[in-house]
Amino acid sequence: VLQRYLQPQMLARLGLNYFDSWAATFGEVISSLEITPEGSGYRMRNRFAKFHNLPELMSIFQLVADIQTADMLNLPIPEIEGGKATIIATEATPFQKMIMESFVERAEKIRKREVEPDEDNMLKLTGEAKLMSIDPRLVYEDAPNDPDSKLNIAIGNVLDIWQESSEQRLTQLVFCDSGTPKPGQFNVYDEMKRCLTEKGVPADEIAFVHDAKTDEQRENLFEKVRMGEIRILLGSTSKLGTGTNVQDRLVAVHHLDCPWRPSDIEQRDGRILRQGNQNLVVKILRYVTKGTFDAYLWQIQEQKLKYISQVMTGKSISRSCEDMDETVLSAAEVKAIATSNPLLAEKMEVDNEVIRLKLLKGNWNNERLTLERNIKDQYPDTIAYCEKKIASIRKDMELREKTEGKDFSAVIDGKTYDERVKAGEQLLLIMKLHDLAVNGEPLPVGEYRGFRLFLVLNAFKQLDLLVKGDNTYSTPLGDSSLGGITRLENVVEKIPTVLMNMEQKLADTQTQLEEARKEVQKPFEFEQRLNEYSARQAEINTRLEFKEFQKQEEVIFEEKTAAETEKASNKEAWEAEYV
């Protein structure tokens, strides 16, 4: 959209002024499952799954865009306590562990296509897993309320900070995109408010951004937060993210869940890491339930966020990238998380290293292609150009030396002048008598020291004096009769300097050509490391997918071994106790 408005001529010149042609060049469209807008079901949607030719796309876009990230601007914003977000890790409750086992079974059925996509799918499963990691009651309302659940730990931290900052009346934000307020149904917002008020927090100091229905109500709500009248504000990223200015007294931001999009992390943290916050040090708390999808989702989003930053700033751009809008886990990832498979943590490290090394190799390939192009075309062309220019300038040196040391004499409009001022006045008169076109044909006006003189109107509608021998030299004529002649004399006097500069350019280009020939022969420095990590990545992915043992697992499943029977019995016992 931005290119359509800001670069229509560029898009037209490249043949990309229609969306279909732009999409065919830079994108790949697939059909995928998504949640319906009302949240009641699922539908198929065509969307971009990948973006291709990113270096070219960003090169075009950066012709009209000056991209500045927060770390470039160095704005006066608060420091984060500990230098980075604090991870509050809680153990999965027994009930949550049991639910994770059921998620594994569902994921396997989905992978084997034993259920229809409209009945169950990985997007639905991932969404339910996010809810369950916050509090199982968001999935099963009759689930037990464990005091060590992520939600209860977060409530305790909010209460502690509220008590510690009571004197200054500092404020806190709680972000949760899941479990938003729903009348008659268990949700995070009402539960947090109920628990906090029971522990002594006045109800009028807690607010939901969802209660502000109009712009006026939102502004009144935000003003109360800025004044410290409302000290705990709960909201989702969409309602409490972009455009929310309540940073004045903010001392802590709580992330109860991981947002779907990596850009939402910046929007959330940007509410507190903002100019105008009176606190020098602030807290950013991210809550993670071990053995659930939490930690893995945070790792994925931070990896995507880092990649987006690299693309936008042009620090390191690969040719293609996956869509960054949503995160849906695979069946293998669900199984690995549920079983606390250590390979999953290694997978994230290996994936990140492979991406980093591939970006480095992509840059190396680009540099190598540039070097090859320079060796083949640019450097030889430049050398040939310099040699031709040097030969031409040397002829002009000989012409210049014939009149060196002689008194001033110039022929202007057919008449010889030996006074500089009169020669300059005649040049200015010729300029006024002729209506020169911009970048038009040069107008011959005379000779000086064997060099022919021409007037030309440049693209900026300024008059230039061209001095032509075997080579052509240029200088502004100006409005002064004596000044114009002085510049003419300087042009001829400085021809030796022009020759010296051209000889230096020739020497530099020849050196660059030799260095490029050496550099292009060098291999990629980290090739072995990339091969090792790529091999390890493939090995981990294979093991996570259980391809080697898939048939064996299916046989064991059918035979109902004693171990599985015992596991099923344990599950029934949990269901009898908690469900």
Protein backbone atom coordinates (compact mmCIF):
# COMPACT_ATOMS: atom_id res chain seq x y z
CA VAL A 1 0.00 0.00 0.00
CA LEU A 2 2.79 2.43 0.90
CA GLN A 3 4.59 1.73 -2.36
CA ARG A 4 1.36 2.23 -4.32
CA TYR A 5 1.03 5.77 -2.91
CA LEU A 6 4.68 6.77 -2.58
CA GLN A 7 6.31 4.99 -5.53
CA PRO A 8 3.74 4.71 -8.35
CA GLN A 9 6.26 5.72 -11.05
CA MET A 10 8.84 3.26 -9.77
CA LEU A 11 6.30 0.42 -9.69
CA ALA A 12 5.12 1.28 -13.20
CA ARG A 13 8.68 1.36 -14.53
CA LEU A 14 9.30 -2.08 -13.03
CA GLY A 15 6.00 -3.44 -14.33
CA LEU A 16 4.69 -3.94 -10.77
CA ASN A 17 1.95 -1.30 -10.70
CA TYR A 18 -0.78 -3.97 -10.51
CA PHE A 19 -1.15 -5.98 -7.31
CA ASP A 20 -1.13 -9.35 -9.07
CA SER A 21 2.25 -8.67 -10.68
CA TRP A 22 3.65 -7.32 -7.37
CA ALA A 23 2.36 -10.39 -5.50
CA ALA A 24 3.77 -12.77 -8.11
CA THR A 25 7.20 -11.14 -7.77
CA PHE A 26 7.45 -10.77 -4.00
CA GLY A 27 4.93 -13.21 -2.46
CA GLU A 28 3.54 -16.72 -2.34
CA VAL A 29 -0.17 -17.17 -1.59
CA ILE A 30 -1.59 -20.32 0.02
CA SER A 31 -4.89 -21.31 1.59
CA SER A 32 -4.80 -21.83 5.34
CA LEU A 33 -7.16 -22.22 8.27
CA GLU A 34 -7.95 -19.23 10.49
CA ILE A 35 -10.33 -18.30 13.31
CA THR A 36 -13.46 -16.51 12.09
CA PRO A 37 -13.82 -12.84 13.14
CA GLU A 38 -16.58 -13.67 15.62
CA GLY A 39 -14.41 -16.43 17.12
CA SER A 40 -17.09 -19.08 16.77
CA GLY A 41 -15.38 -21.31 14.24
CA TYR A 42 -12.78 -21.64 11.51
CA ARG A 43 -12.57 -20.83 7.83
CA MET A 44 -10.13 -21.13 4.94
CA ARG A 45 -8.35 -17.92 3.94
CA ASN A 46 -5.93 -17.08 1.14
CA ARG A 47 -2.94 -15.25 2.54
CA PHE A 48 0.75 -14.64 1.93
CA ALA A 49 2.71 -17.58 3.30
CA LYS A 50 6.12 -16.34 2.17
CA PHE A 51 7.82 -13.23 0.87
CA HIS A 52 10.48 -13.60 -1.82
CA ASN A 53 13.15 -11.34 -3.32
CA LEU A 54 13.41 -9.41 -0.06
CA PRO A 55 16.72 -7.59 -0.83
CA GLU A 56 15.22 -6.09 -3.99
CA LEU A 57 11.91 -5.26 -2.28
CA MET A 58 13.62 -3.48 0.62
CA SER A 59 16.03 -1.65 -1.72
CA ILE A 60 13.06 -0.22 -3.61
CA PHE A 61 11.12 0.60 -0.44
CA GLN A 62 14.09 2.31 1.23
CA LEU A 63 14.19 4.85 -1.60
CA VAL A 64 11.20 6.50 0.13
CA ALA A 65 11.48 5.12 3.68
CA ASP A 66 13.91 6.12 6.41
CA ILE A 67 13.54 3.27 8.92
CA GLN A 68 14.64 4.03 12.48
CA THR A 69 14.37 1.48 15.27
CA ALA A 70 14.30 2.29 19.00
CA ASP A 71 17.94 1.29 19.50
CA MET A 72 18.98 3.71 16.74
CA LEU A 73 17.14 6.70 18.23
CA ASN A 74 18.60 6.37 21.75
CA LEU A 75 15.57 8.03 23.32
CA PRO A 76 15.41 8.94 27.05
CA ILE A 77 13.31 6.00 28.20
CA PRO A 78 13.40 4.00 31.45
CA GLU A 79 15.79 1.11 31.93
CA ILE A 80 14.44 -2.41 32.38
CA GLU A 81 15.25 -3.94 35.74
CA GLY A 82 17.98 -6.51 35.12
CA GLY A 83 18.52 -5.23 31.59
CA LYS A 84 15.82 -7.45 30.07
CA ALA A 85 12.34 -8.82 30.70
CA THR A 86 12.04 -11.03 33.78
CA ILE A 87 10.75 -14.55 33.12
CA ILE A 88 8.45 -15.84 35.86
CA ALA A 89 8.40 -19.60 35.34
CA THR A 90 5.76 -21.70 37.12
CA GLU A 91 5.49 -25.47 37.24
CA ALA A 92 2.60 -27.10 35.39
CA THR A 93 -0.10 -28.32 37.76
CA PRO A 94 -1.07 -32.00 37.71
CA PHE A 95 -4.29 -31.12 35.90
CA GLN A 96 -2.39 -29.14 33.25
CA LYS A 97 -0.05 -32.10 32.68
CA MET A 98 -3.05 -34.35 32.15
CA ILE A 99 -4.54 -31.91 29.63
CA MET A 100 -1.22 -31.72 27.78
CA GLU A 101 -1.36 -35.49 27.34
CA SER A 102 -4.79 -35.15 25.77
CA PHE A 103 -3.38 -32.45 23.45
CA VAL A 104 -0.73 -34.93 22.30
CA GLU A 105 -3.43 -37.45 21.40
CA ARG A 106 -5.40 -34.79 19.52
CA ALA A 107 -2.28 -33.64 17.68
CA GLU A 108 -1.55 -37.20 16.55
CA LYS A 109 -5.11 -37.62 15.23
CA ILE A 110 -4.81 -34.33 13.36
CA ARG A 111 -1.46 -35.36 11.89
CA LYS A 112 -2.88 -38.70 10.75
CA ARG A 113 -5.97 -36.94 9.34
CA GLU A 114 -8.29 -38.96 11.56
CA VAL A 115 -10.42 -35.85 12.21
CA GLU A 116 -11.85 -33.27 9.82
CA PRO A 117 -10.24 -29.79 9.94
CA ASP A 118 -13.56 -28.20 10.92
CA GLU A 119 -13.75 -30.54 13.93
CA ASP A 120 -10.20 -30.20 15.21
CA ASN A 121 -7.01 -28.64 13.87
CA MET A 122 -3.64 -27.36 15.07
CA LEU A 123 -4.80 -23.75 15.16
CA LYS A 124 -7.65 -24.66 17.52
CA LEU A 125 -5.36 -26.85 19.60
CA THR A 126 -2.70 -24.11 19.86
CA GLY A 127 -5.36 -21.61 20.99
CA GLU A 128 -6.71 -23.94 23.67
CA ALA A 129 -3.18 -24.70 24.83
CA LYS A 130 -2.53 -20.97 25.30
CA LEU A 131 -5.66 -20.69 27.43
CA MET A 132 -4.81 -23.77 29.44
CA SER A 133 -1.30 -22.51 30.23
CA ILE A 134 -2.80 -19.35 31.81
CA ASP A 135 -5.40 -21.22 33.85
CA PRO A 136 -7.12 -24.57 33.09
CA ARG A 137 -10.46 -23.02 34.04
CA LEU A 138 -10.38 -21.10 30.77
CA VAL A 139 -10.80 -24.46 29.01
CA TYR A 140 -12.63 -26.44 31.70
CA GLU A 141 -14.59 -24.20 34.08
CA ASP A 142 -14.73 -26.93 36.73
CA ALA A 143 -10.96 -27.40 36.73
CA PRO A 144 -9.24 -27.03 40.11
CA ASN A 145 -7.92 -23.60 41.18
CA ASP A 146 -4.30 -24.31 41.91
CA PRO A 147 -2.60 -21.61 44.07
CA ASP A 148 0.63 -22.11 42.10
CA SER A 149 -0.92 -21.57 38.67
CA LYS A 150 0.45 -18.85 36.43
CA LEU A 151 -2.60 -16.66 36.95
CA ASN A 152 -2.39 -16.84 40.75
CA ILE A 153 1.36 -16.15 40.73
CA ALA A 154 0.73 -13.10 38.53
CA ILE A 155 -2.00 -11.87 40.89
CA GLY A 156 0.46 -12.15 43.78
CA ASN A 157 3.11 -10.13 41.91
CA VAL A 158 0.62 -7.42 40.93
CA LEU A 159 -0.44 -7.16 44.59
CA ASP A 160 3.18 -6.93 45.83
CA ILE A 161 4.07 -4.14 43.39
CA TRP A 162 0.82 -2.32 44.24
CA GLN A 163 1.74 -2.38 47.94
CA GLU A 164 5.38 -1.38 47.38
CA SER A 165 4.45 1.62 45.22
CA SER A 166 1.43 2.85 47.18
CA GLU A 167 3.16 5.99 48.45
CA GLN A 168 4.02 7.20 44.91
CA ARG A 169 0.75 5.80 43.52
CA LEU A 170 2.60 4.07 40.68
CA THR A 171 0.63 2.09 38.10
CA GLN A 172 0.76 -1.28 36.34
CA LEU A 173 -0.50 -2.75 33.07
CA VAL A 174 -1.58 -6.36 32.69
CA PHE A 175 -1.71 -7.68 29.12
CA CYS A 176 -3.75 -10.74 28.28
CA ASP A 177 -5.16 -11.40 24.81
CA SER A 178 -6.81 -14.63 25.98
CA GLY A 179 -9.57 -14.92 28.58
CA THR A 180 -10.94 -11.40 28.05
CA PRO A 181 -14.08 -10.30 29.96
CA LYS A 182 -17.17 -12.40 29.17
CA PRO A 183 -20.31 -12.12 31.31
CA GLY A 184 -21.28 -15.35 33.04
CA GLN A 185 -18.10 -17.13 32.02
CA PHE A 186 -14.78 -17.62 33.80
CA ASN A 187 -12.17 -15.18 32.50
CA VAL A 188 -8.79 -13.80 33.51
CA TYR A 189 -9.93 -10.21 34.02
CA ASP A 190 -12.79 -10.78 36.44
CA GLU A 191 -10.81 -13.43 38.33
CA MET A 192 -7.83 -11.12 38.78
CA LYS A 193 -10.01 -8.25 39.95
CA ARG A 194 -11.92 -10.51 42.37
CA CYS A 195 -8.72 -11.87 43.93
CA LEU A 196 -7.07 -8.45 44.20
CA THR A 197 -10.08 -6.82 45.84
CA GLU A 198 -10.28 -9.70 48.31
CA LYS A 199 -6.63 -9.00 49.21
CA GLY A 200 -7.31 -5.32 49.90
CA VAL A 201 -6.97 -3.48 46.57
CA PRO A 202 -9.84 -0.95 46.21
CA ALA A 203 -12.11 -1.94 43.31
CA ASP A 204 -12.01 1.60 41.90
CA GLU A 205 -8.22 1.32 41.44
CA ILE A 206 -8.66 -1.62 39.01
CA ALA A 207 -10.03 -1.12 35.52
CA PHE A 208 -10.49 -3.01 32.23
CA VAL A 209 -9.78 -1.14 29.02
CA HIS A 210 -12.72 -3.05 27.52
CA ASP A 211 -15.11 -1.01 29.69
CA ALA A 212 -14.24 2.17 27.77
CA LYS A 213 -16.50 1.98 24.73
CA THR A 214 -15.94 5.45 23.22
CA ASP A 215 -12.88 7.61 22.55
CA GLU A 216 -13.99 10.02 25.29
CA GLN A 217 -14.32 7.18 27.81
CA ARG A 218 -10.90 5.83 26.80
CA GLU A 219 -9.25 9.22 27.28
CA ASN A 220 -10.91 9.67 30.69
CA LEU A 221 -9.72 6.20 31.68
CA PHE A 222 -6.17 6.89 30.53
CA GLU A 223 -6.12 10.24 32.35
CA LYS A 224 -7.04 8.49 35.61
CA VAL A 225 -4.17 6.06 35.05
CA ARG A 226 -1.76 8.93 34.37
CA MET A 227 -2.90 10.62 37.60
CA GLY A 228 -2.56 7.41 39.61
CA GLU A 229 -6.26 7.19 40.44
CA ILE A 230 -6.49 3.87 38.59
CA ARG A 231 -3.36 1.89 39.43
CA ILE A 232 -4.00 -1.48 37.75
CA LEU A 233 -5.23 -1.51 34.14
CA LEU A 234 -5.96 -4.77 32.31
CA GLY A 235 -6.31 -5.05 28.56
CA SER A 236 -5.51 -6.88 25.34
CA THR A 237 -2.81 -5.82 22.89
CA SER A 238 -5.36 -4.58 20.36
CA LYS A 239 -7.12 -2.30 22.86
CA LEU A 240 -4.20 -1.31 25.09
CA GLY A 241 -1.34 -1.35 22.59
CA THR A 242 -0.82 1.19 19.81
CA GLY A 243 -1.76 4.76 20.69
CA THR A 244 -2.07 4.25 24.47
CA ASN A 245 -0.23 6.98 26.43
CA VAL A 246 -0.38 6.07 30.11
CA GLN A 247 3.37 5.84 30.79
CA ASP A 248 3.65 8.66 33.35
CA ARG A 249 3.56 6.46 36.50
CA LEU A 250 3.97 2.99 34.97
CA VAL A 251 6.36 0.85 36.98
CA ALA A 252 5.49 -2.65 35.70
CA VAL A 253 4.01 -4.44 32.71
CA HIS A 254 2.80 -8.02 33.06
CA HIS A 255 2.54 -10.37 30.06
CA LEU A 256 0.12 -13.10 31.11
CA ASP A 257 0.24 -14.69 27.66
CA CYS A 258 2.41 -14.61 24.56
CA PRO A 259 0.87 -12.51 21.77
CA TRP A 260 0.14 -14.09 18.39
CA ARG A 261 2.24 -11.65 16.41
CA PRO A 262 5.86 -10.67 17.14
CA SER A 263 5.08 -6.98 16.56
CA ASP A 264 2.67 -7.12 19.51
CA ILE A 265 5.59 -7.68 21.89
CA GLU A 266 7.01 -4.29 20.90
CA GLN A 267 3.60 -2.66 21.22
CA ARG A 268 3.11 -4.01 24.73
CA ASP A 269 6.57 -3.11 25.99
CA GLY A 270 6.32 0.26 24.24
CA ARG A 271 3.62 1.35 26.67
CA ILE A 272 6.14 1.52 29.52
CA LEU A 273 9.45 2.01 27.66
CA ARG A 274 8.36 5.46 26.60
CA GLN A 275 9.40 9.09 27.01
CA GLY A 276 7.58 10.82 29.82
CA ASN A 277 7.78 7.95 32.31
CA GLN A 278 8.84 9.36 35.68
CA ASN A 279 10.37 6.04 36.75
CA LEU A 280 14.04 5.52 35.90
CA VAL A 281 13.80 1.72 36.24
CA VAL A 282 10.76 -0.39 35.38
CA LYS A 283 9.80 -4.05 35.38
CA ILE A 284 8.63 -6.17 32.44
CA LEU A 285 7.36 -9.54 33.65
CA ARG A 286 6.61 -12.45 31.32
CA TYR A 287 4.82 -15.44 32.80
CA VAL A 288 5.61 -18.93 31.54
CA THR A 289 4.14 -22.28 32.59
CA LYS A 290 6.70 -25.05 32.24
CA GLY A 291 5.68 -28.08 30.23
CA THR A 292 3.19 -26.04 28.17
CA PHE A 293 3.51 -24.03 24.97
CA ASP A 294 4.46 -20.79 26.74
CA ALA A 295 8.26 -20.82 26.62
CA TYR A 296 8.32 -22.21 23.09
CA LEU A 297 5.89 -19.57 21.80
CA TRP A 298 7.93 -16.77 23.39
CA GLN A 299 11.11 -18.10 21.77
CA ILE A 300 9.44 -18.30 18.37
CA GLN A 301 8.04 -14.77 18.57
CA GLU A 302 11.32 -13.25 19.73
CA GLN A 303 13.13 -15.04 16.90
CA LYS A 304 10.63 -13.63 14.40
CA LEU A 305 10.88 -10.15 15.93
CA LYS A 306 14.66 -10.18 15.59
CA TYR A 307 14.37 -11.33 11.99
CA ILE A 308 11.84 -8.58 11.15
CA SER A 309 14.20 -5.99 12.61
CA GLN A 310 17.05 -7.32 10.45
CA VAL A 311 14.89 -7.14 7.33
CA MET A 312 13.57 -3.63 7.99
CA THR A 313 16.96 -2.15 8.88
CA GLY A 314 18.72 -3.99 6.04
CA LYS A 315 21.38 -5.41 8.41
CA SER A 316 20.97 -8.92 7.03
CA ILE A 317 18.33 -9.88 4.51
CA SER A 318 17.76 -13.38 3.19
CA ARG A 319 16.00 -13.89 -0.11
CA SER A 320 12.80 -15.25 1.45
CA CYS A 321 10.99 -15.25 4.78
CA GLU A 322 7.96 -16.97 6.25
CA ASP A 323 4.77 -15.12 7.15
CA MET A 324 5.10 -13.43 10.56
CA ASP A 325 1.46 -12.95 11.47
CA GLU A 326 0.64 -16.08 13.43
CA THR A 327 2.15 -19.03 15.23
CA VAL A 328 0.70 -22.53 14.99
CA LEU A 329 2.62 -25.47 16.39
CA SER A 330 3.10 -28.76 14.59
CA ALA A 331 2.07 -32.12 16.00
CA ALA A 332 5.71 -33.00 16.66
CA GLU A 333 6.24 -29.78 18.62
CA VAL A 334 3.15 -30.47 20.74
CA LYS A 335 4.48 -33.93 21.60
CA ALA A 336 7.97 -32.63 22.39
CA ILE A 337 6.63 -29.92 24.71
CA ALA A 338 4.29 -32.29 26.53
CA THR A 339 7.03 -34.82 27.19
CA SER A 340 9.56 -32.09 28.17
CA ASN A 341 11.76 -33.36 25.36
CA PRO A 342 15.20 -31.67 25.74
CA LEU A 343 15.54 -31.78 21.96
CA LEU A 344 13.02 -28.94 21.77
CA ALA A 345 15.30 -26.48 23.56
CA GLU A 346 18.19 -27.62 21.38
CA LYS A 347 15.98 -27.26 18.30
CA MET A 348 15.42 -23.55 19.04
CA GLU A 349 19.15 -22.94 19.49
CA VAL A 350 20.05 -24.90 16.36
CA ASP A 351 17.29 -23.23 14.30
CA ASN A 352 18.48 -19.77 15.37
CA GLU A 353 22.10 -20.62 14.54
CA VAL A 354 21.15 -22.07 11.13
CA ILE A 355 19.16 -18.93 10.33
CA ARG A 356 22.07 -16.72 11.40
CA LEU A 357 24.61 -18.69 9.37
CA LYS A 358 22.33 -18.78 6.32
CA LEU A 359 21.97 -15.02 6.52
CA LEU A 360 25.75 -14.69 6.69
CA LYS A 361 26.12 -17.02 3.71
CA GLY A 362 23.45 -15.08 1.84
CA ASN A 363 25.42 -11.88 2.40
CA TRP A 364 28.62 -13.68 1.36
CA ASN A 365 26.92 -14.90 -1.83
CA ASN A 366 25.65 -11.39 -2.59
CA GLU A 367 29.12 -9.94 -2.05
CA ARG A 368 30.64 -12.66 -4.21
CA LEU A 369 28.19 -11.98 -7.03
CA THR A 370 28.99 -8.28 -6.76
CA LEU A 371 32.71 -9.01 -6.90
CA GLU A 372 32.28 -11.28 -9.93
CA ARG A 373 30.23 -8.58 -11.67
CA ASN A 374 32.86 -5.96 -10.83
CA ILE A 375 35.69 -8.19 -12.04
CA LYS A 376 33.90 -8.94 -15.29
CA ASP A 377 32.41 -5.54 -16.12
CA GLN A 378 32.79 -2.60 -13.75
CA TYR A 379 36.53 -2.61 -13.05
CA PRO A 380 37.60 -3.26 -16.69
CA ASP A 381 35.16 -0.59 -17.91
CA THR A 382 36.45 1.89 -15.33
CA ILE A 383 40.07 1.12 -16.23
CA ALA A 384 39.34 1.58 -19.95
CA TYR A 385 37.53 4.85 -19.21
CA CYS A 386 40.41 6.17 -17.08
CA GLU A 387 43.03 5.24 -19.67
CA LYS A 388 41.03 6.99 -22.39
CA LYS A 389 40.56 10.08 -20.22
CA ILE A 390 44.23 10.20 -19.28
CA ALA A 391 45.28 10.12 -22.94
CA SER A 392 42.78 12.90 -23.69
CA ILE A 393 43.85 15.08 -20.76
CA ARG A 394 47.54 14.71 -21.69
CA LYS A 395 46.77 16.18 -25.13
CA ASP A 396 45.11 19.13 -23.37
CA MET A 397 48.21 19.49 -21.20
CA GLU A 398 50.28 19.93 -24.36
CA LEU A 399 47.81 22.51 -25.68
CA ARG A 400 47.87 24.39 -22.36
CA GLU A 401 51.68 24.47 -22.24
CA LYS A 402 51.87 26.27 -25.61
CA THR A 403 50.40 29.45 -24.09
CA GLU A 404 51.73 29.13 -20.53
CA GLY A 405 53.16 32.39 -19.18
CA LYS A 406 51.62 34.60 -21.90
CA ASP A 407 49.39 37.62 -21.26
CA PHE A 408 45.64 37.19 -21.09
CA SER A 409 43.91 36.94 -24.46
CA ALA A 410 40.51 35.50 -25.32
CA VAL A 411 38.33 35.48 -28.42
CA ILE A 412 34.68 36.14 -27.54
CA ASP A 413 32.02 36.16 -30.26
CA GLY A 414 34.71 36.60 -32.96
CA LYS A 415 36.47 39.53 -31.24
CA THR A 416 39.82 39.33 -29.38
CA TYR A 417 39.95 40.76 -25.84
CA ASP A 418 43.06 41.34 -23.74
CA GLU A 419 41.15 42.76 -20.76
CA ARG A 420 39.49 40.27 -18.46
CA VAL A 421 36.55 42.50 -17.42
CA LYS A 422 35.55 43.35 -21.01
CA ALA A 423 35.80 39.69 -22.05
CA GLY A 424 33.56 38.76 -19.10
CA GLU A 425 31.04 41.50 -19.93
CA GLN A 426 30.78 40.20 -23.48
CA LEU A 427 30.10 36.68 -22.20
CA LEU A 428 27.27 38.00 -19.97
CA LEU A 429 25.83 39.95 -22.90
CA ILE A 430 25.78 36.84 -25.08
CA MET A 431 23.98 35.02 -22.29
CA LYS A 432 21.23 37.67 -22.21
CA LEU A 433 20.84 37.75 -26.01
CA HIS A 434 20.29 34.00 -26.32
CA ASP A 435 17.39 32.07 -24.83
CA LEU A 436 19.14 28.80 -23.98
CA ALA A 437 17.10 25.64 -23.37
CA VAL A 438 17.72 23.51 -20.28
CA ASN A 439 20.24 20.78 -21.21
CA GLY A 440 20.07 22.03 -24.78
CA GLU A 441 22.81 22.23 -27.42
CA PRO A 442 25.91 24.11 -26.17
CA LEU A 443 26.27 27.60 -27.69
CA PRO A 444 29.79 28.29 -29.11
CA VAL A 445 31.04 31.68 -27.84
CA GLY A 446 34.81 31.81 -28.49
CA GLU A 447 38.31 30.51 -27.64
CA TYR A 448 40.84 30.76 -24.82
CA ARG A 449 44.43 29.44 -24.99
CA GLY A 450 43.46 27.12 -27.83
CA PHE A 451 40.39 25.71 -26.01
CA ARG A 452 36.93 26.25 -27.48
CA LEU A 453 34.33 27.92 -25.23
CA PHE A 454 30.60 27.09 -25.03
CA LEU A 455 27.64 28.22 -22.91
CA VAL A 456 25.04 25.72 -21.69
CA LEU A 457 22.04 25.90 -19.31
CA ASN A 458 22.19 22.98 -16.88
CA ALA A 459 19.32 21.03 -15.30
CA PHE A 460 19.21 23.50 -12.38
CA LYS A 461 18.78 26.41 -14.85
CA GLN A 462 22.24 27.72 -14.05
CA LEU A 463 24.64 28.85 -16.77
CA ASP A 464 27.82 26.77 -17.18
CA LEU A 465 30.89 27.61 -19.25
CA LEU A 466 32.28 24.57 -21.10
CA VAL A 467 35.99 24.51 -21.95
CA LYS A 468 36.70 21.96 -24.70
CA GLY A 469 40.02 20.64 -25.85
CA ASP A 470 40.36 16.94 -26.47
CA ASN A 471 38.49 16.60 -23.15
CA THR A 472 35.67 18.81 -21.82
CA TYR A 473 35.81 20.79 -18.55
CA SER A 474 32.99 22.75 -16.92
CA THR A 475 32.63 25.70 -14.52
CA PRO A 476 29.71 27.96 -13.48
CA LEU A 477 29.74 31.29 -15.33
CA GLY A 478 28.19 33.29 -12.49
CA ASP A 479 26.89 36.88 -12.59
CA SER A 480 30.23 38.69 -12.31
CA SER A 481 32.15 39.58 -15.46
CA LEU A 482 35.55 39.31 -13.74
CA GLY A 483 34.47 36.26 -11.71
CA GLY A 484 33.47 34.32 -14.82
CA ILE A 485 36.85 34.94 -16.50
CA THR A 486 38.70 34.03 -13.27
CA ARG A 487 36.89 30.69 -13.15
CA LEU A 488 37.76 30.12 -16.83
CA GLU A 489 41.45 30.67 -16.11
CA ASN A 490 41.31 28.37 -13.08
CA VAL A 491 39.80 25.55 -15.16
CA VAL A 492 42.74 25.61 -17.56
CA GLU A 493 45.32 26.02 -14.77
CA LYS A 494 43.93 23.01 -12.88
CA ILE A 495 44.16 20.56 -15.80
CA PRO A 496 47.34 18.99 -14.25
CA THR A 497 45.33 18.32 -11.07
CA VAL A 498 42.57 16.69 -13.13
CA LEU A 499 45.21 14.48 -14.77
CA MET A 500 46.70 13.52 -11.41
CA ASN A 501 43.26 12.61 -9.99
CA MET A 502 42.43 10.46 -13.01
CA GLU A 503 45.78 8.64 -12.77
CA GLN A 504 45.09 8.00 -9.07
CA LYS A 505 41.62 6.65 -9.91
CA LEU A 506 43.19 4.32 -12.47
CA ALA A 507 45.72 3.03 -9.93
CA ASP A 508 43.02 2.55 -7.27
CA THR A 509 40.77 0.64 -9.68
CA GLN A 510 43.61 -1.63 -10.77
CA THR A 511 44.35 -2.38 -7.09
CA GLN A 512 40.67 -3.07 -6.42
CA LEU A 513 40.58 -5.46 -9.39
CA GLU A 514 43.52 -7.46 -8.04
CA GLU A 515 42.06 -7.56 -4.52
CA ALA A 516 38.66 -8.63 -5.89
CA ARG A 517 40.24 -11.50 -7.82
CA LYS A 518 41.85 -12.75 -4.59
CA GLU A 519 38.70 -12.24 -2.50
CA VAL A 520 36.36 -14.03 -4.90
CA GLN A 521 38.43 -17.21 -4.56
CA LYS A 522 37.98 -17.38 -0.77
CA PRO A 523 35.40 -19.93 0.51
CA PHE A 524 32.61 -19.10 2.96
CA GLU A 525 34.30 -18.84 6.35
CA PHE A 526 31.58 -20.69 8.28
CA GLU A 527 30.68 -23.33 5.67
CA GLN A 528 31.64 -26.28 7.86
CA ARG A 529 29.77 -24.87 10.85
CA LEU A 530 26.66 -24.32 8.71
CA ASN A 531 26.82 -27.88 7.37
CA GLU A 532 27.18 -29.28 10.89
CA TYR A 533 24.25 -27.29 12.26
CA SER A 534 22.09 -28.04 9.22
CA ALA A 535 22.76 -31.74 9.65
CA ARG A 536 21.95 -31.52 13.34
CA GLN A 537 18.77 -29.57 12.52
CA ALA A 538 17.63 -32.29 10.11
CA GLU A 539 18.45 -34.96 12.70
CA ILE A 540 16.46 -33.19 15.44
CA ASN A 541 13.49 -32.60 13.14
CA THR A 542 13.50 -36.27 12.15
CA ARG A 543 13.62 -37.39 15.76
CA LEU A 544 10.86 -34.98 16.78
CA GLU A 545 8.67 -36.25 13.98
CA PHE A 546 9.37 -39.84 15.14
CA LYS A 547 9.56 -40.97 11.53
CA GLU A 548 11.90 -43.82 12.31
CA PHE A 549 9.62 -45.16 15.00
CA GLN A 550 6.23 -44.25 13.55
CA LYS A 551 5.34 -47.77 12.42
CA GLN A 552 6.64 -49.31 15.61
CA GLU A 553 4.60 -46.84 17.71
CA GLU A 554 1.43 -47.64 15.78
CA VAL A 555 1.94 -51.39 16.41
CA ILE A 556 2.54 -50.77 20.10
CA PHE A 557 -0.55 -48.59 20.22
CA GLU A 558 -2.68 -51.32 18.66
CA GLU A 559 -1.33 -54.00 20.98
CA LYS A 560 -2.20 -51.95 24.09
CA THR A 561 0.88 -52.68 26.11
CA ALA A 562 0.73 -52.86 29.85
CA ALA A 563 2.47 -49.51 30.17
CA GLU A 564 -0.17 -47.78 28.07
CA THR A 565 -2.96 -49.50 29.95
CA GLU A 566 -1.56 -48.19 33.20
CA LYS A 567 -1.27 -44.72 31.68
CA ALA A 568 -4.92 -44.85 30.59
CA SER A 569 -5.94 -45.88 34.08
CA ASN A 570 -4.05 -42.98 35.58
CA LYS A 571 -5.77 -40.62 33.17
CA GLU A 572 -9.19 -41.95 34.15
CA ALA A 573 -8.30 -41.44 37.79
CA TRP A 574 -7.38 -37.79 37.14
CA GLU A 575 -10.58 -37.22 35.22
CA ALA A 576 -12.62 -38.77 38.03
CA GLU A 577 -10.98 -36.48 40.57
CA TYR A 578 -10.88 -33.20 38.68
CA VAL A 579 -13.42 -33.20 35.85
